[in-house]
Amino acid sequence: MHKTEVDHSWFHESYDGEDRDDNCRNELSIIPDTCEDQLNILLTNDDRDGRQFNNTFALQRSDVVALKTFLDQWLNRTRKEKDGR
């Protein structure tokens, strides 16, 4: 199962059985920090025994700008490749 939730306060992506890896559940959440000018990222992975591993990361505003540029370039490139340009 694959599920994406997006609203003004968060981005959440989850899927069960990721077949390119270990077929275990994975989740990614991105939430703006209410006290700092940053985005908080939580990546959760389950192992085959059902244990859950949480990893956190914070992106400062300048990191987010760089990431946005990277994603925009990637989207534009893949769009052009699909259009045959």
C-alpha atoms as a PDB file:
ATOM      1  CA  MET A   1       0.000   0.000   0.000  1.00  0.00           C
ATOM      2  CA  HIS A   2       1.219   3.485  -0.859  1.00  0.00           C
ATOM      3  CA  LYS A   3      -0.242   6.605   0.721  1.00  0.00           C
ATOM      4  CA  THR A   4       0.611  10.307   0.484  1.00  0.00           C
ATOM      5  CA  GLU A   5      -0.886  13.000   2.700  1.00  0.00           C
ATOM      6  CA  VAL A   6      -0.190  16.699   2.193  1.00  0.00           C
ATOM      7  CA  ASP A   7      -1.685  19.757   3.816  1.00  0.00           C
ATOM      8  CA  HIS A   8      -0.480  23.157   4.996  1.00  0.00           C
ATOM      9  CA  SER A   9       1.227  21.662   8.043  1.00  0.00           C
ATOM     10  CA  TRP A  10       2.985  18.507   6.819  1.00  0.00           C
ATOM     11  CA  PHE A  11       3.961  16.075   4.086  1.00  0.00           C
ATOM     12  CA  HIS A  12       3.630  12.377   4.894  1.00  0.00           C
ATOM     13  CA  GLU A  13       4.504   9.459   2.623  1.00  0.00           C
ATOM     14  CA  SER A  14       4.143   5.807   3.636  1.00  0.00           C
ATOM     15  CA  TYR A  15       4.229   2.462   1.928  1.00  0.00           C
ATOM     16  CA  ASP A  16       4.290  -1.192   2.866  1.00  0.00           C
ATOM     17  CA  GLY A  17       6.499  -3.707   1.101  1.00  0.00           C
ATOM     18  CA  GLU A  18       9.016  -1.515  -0.685  1.00  0.00           C
ATOM     19  CA  ASP A  19      10.176  -4.002  -3.309  1.00  0.00           C
ATOM     20  CA  ARG A  20      13.483  -2.364  -4.282  1.00  0.00           C
ATOM     21  CA  ASP A  21      14.824  -2.738  -0.788  1.00  0.00           C
ATOM     22  CA  ASP A  22      13.803  -5.164   1.947  1.00  0.00           C
ATOM     23  CA  ASN A  23      10.009  -5.341   1.456  1.00  0.00           C
ATOM     24  CA  CYS A  24       9.451  -3.646   4.816  1.00  0.00           C
ATOM     25  CA  ARG A  25       7.287  -0.644   5.727  1.00  0.00           C
ATOM     26  CA  ASN A  26       8.790   2.850   5.352  1.00  0.00           C
ATOM     27  CA  GLU A  27       7.491   6.315   6.230  1.00  0.00           C
ATOM     28  CA  LEU A  28       8.705   9.839   5.564  1.00  0.00           C
ATOM     29  CA  SER A  29       7.278  12.883   7.352  1.00  0.00           C
ATOM     30  CA  ILE A  30       8.278  16.507   6.796  1.00  0.00           C
ATOM     31  CA  ILE A  31       6.936  19.018   9.292  1.00  0.00           C
ATOM     32  CA  PRO A  32       7.731  22.729   9.712  1.00  0.00           C
ATOM     33  CA  ASP A  33       9.234  23.461  13.114  1.00  0.00           C
ATOM     34  CA  THR A  34       7.029  25.843  15.074  1.00  0.00           C
ATOM     35  CA  CYS A  35       9.924  27.396  17.006  1.00  0.00           C
ATOM     36  CA  GLU A  36      12.804  27.352  14.526  1.00  0.00           C
ATOM     37  CA  ASP A  37      13.061  28.390  10.875  1.00  0.00           C
ATOM     38  CA  GLN A  38      13.568  24.827   9.663  1.00  0.00           C
ATOM     39  CA  LEU A  39      11.820  21.699   8.435  1.00  0.00           C
ATOM     40  CA  ASN A  40      11.959  18.607  10.621  1.00  0.00           C
ATOM     41  CA  ILE A  41      12.216  15.276   8.806  1.00  0.00           C
ATOM     42  CA  LEU A  42      11.373  11.899  10.287  1.00  0.00           C
ATOM     43  CA  LEU A  43      12.233   8.719   8.403  1.00  0.00           C
ATOM     44  CA  THR A  44      10.867   5.499   9.894  1.00  0.00           C
ATOM     45  CA  ASN A  45      11.866   2.021   8.760  1.00  0.00           C
ATOM     46  CA  ASP A  46      10.651  -1.321  10.045  1.00  0.00           C
ATOM     47  CA  ASP A  47      12.932  -4.337   9.937  1.00  0.00           C
ATOM     48  CA  ARG A  48      11.856  -7.896   9.170  1.00  0.00           C
ATOM     49  CA  ASP A  49      11.353  -8.603  12.865  1.00  0.00           C
ATOM     50  CA  GLY A  50       8.942  -5.669  13.199  1.00  0.00           C
ATOM     51  CA  ARG A  51      11.353  -3.394  15.066  1.00  0.00           C
ATOM     52  CA  GLN A  52      10.994   0.262  14.176  1.00  0.00           C
ATOM     53  CA  PHE A  53      13.914   2.607  13.564  1.00  0.00           C
ATOM     54  CA  ASN A  54      13.353   6.374  13.568  1.00  0.00           C
ATOM     55  CA  ASN A  55      15.832   8.796  12.067  1.00  0.00           C
ATOM     56  CA  THR A  56      15.427  12.556  12.355  1.00  0.00           C
ATOM     57  CA  PHE A  57      16.974  15.386  10.413  1.00  0.00           C
ATOM     58  CA  ALA A  58      16.450  19.147  10.240  1.00  0.00           C
ATOM     59  CA  LEU A  59      16.774  21.266   7.106  1.00  0.00           C
ATOM     60  CA  GLN A  60      17.551  24.954   7.529  1.00  0.00           C
ATOM     61  CA  ARG A  61      15.888  27.423   5.148  1.00  0.00           C
ATOM     62  CA  SER A  62      18.999  27.614   2.923  1.00  0.00           C
ATOM     63  CA  ASP A  63      19.008  23.787   2.686  1.00  0.00           C
ATOM     64  CA  VAL A  64      15.357  23.808   1.653  1.00  0.00           C
ATOM     65  CA  VAL A  65      16.064  26.389  -1.060  1.00  0.00           C
ATOM     66  CA  ALA A  66      18.880  24.200  -2.428  1.00  0.00           C
ATOM     67  CA  LEU A  67      16.625  21.126  -2.283  1.00  0.00           C
ATOM     68  CA  LYS A  68      13.830  23.004  -4.084  1.00  0.00           C
ATOM     69  CA  THR A  69      16.247  23.987  -6.856  1.00  0.00           C
ATOM     70  CA  PHE A  70      17.395  20.367  -7.183  1.00  0.00           C
ATOM     71  CA  LEU A  71      13.810  19.063  -7.309  1.00  0.00           C
ATOM     72  CA  ASP A  72      12.721  21.719  -9.823  1.00  0.00           C
ATOM     73  CA  GLN A  73      15.618  20.783 -12.100  1.00  0.00           C
ATOM     74  CA  TRP A  74      14.812  17.081 -11.758  1.00  0.00           C
ATOM     75  CA  LEU A  75      11.113  17.645 -12.494  1.00  0.00           C
ATOM     76  CA  ASN A  76      11.899  19.793 -15.537  1.00  0.00           C
ATOM     77  CA  ARG A  77      14.416  17.257 -16.862  1.00  0.00           C
ATOM     78  CA  THR A  78      12.075  14.279 -16.440  1.00  0.00           C
ATOM     79  CA  ARG A  79       9.186  16.251 -17.953  1.00  0.00           C
ATOM     80  CA  LYS A  80      11.301  17.056 -21.035  1.00  0.00           C
ATOM     81  CA  GLU A  81      12.396  13.409 -21.310  1.00  0.00           C
ATOM     82  CA  LYS A  82       8.753  12.290 -21.226  1.00  0.00           C
ATOM     83  CA  ASP A  83       7.831  14.867 -23.870  1.00  0.00           C
ATOM     84  CA  GLY A  84      10.706  13.647 -26.062  1.00  0.00           C
ATOM     85  CA  ARG A  85      12.573  16.951 -26.100  1.00  0.00           C
END
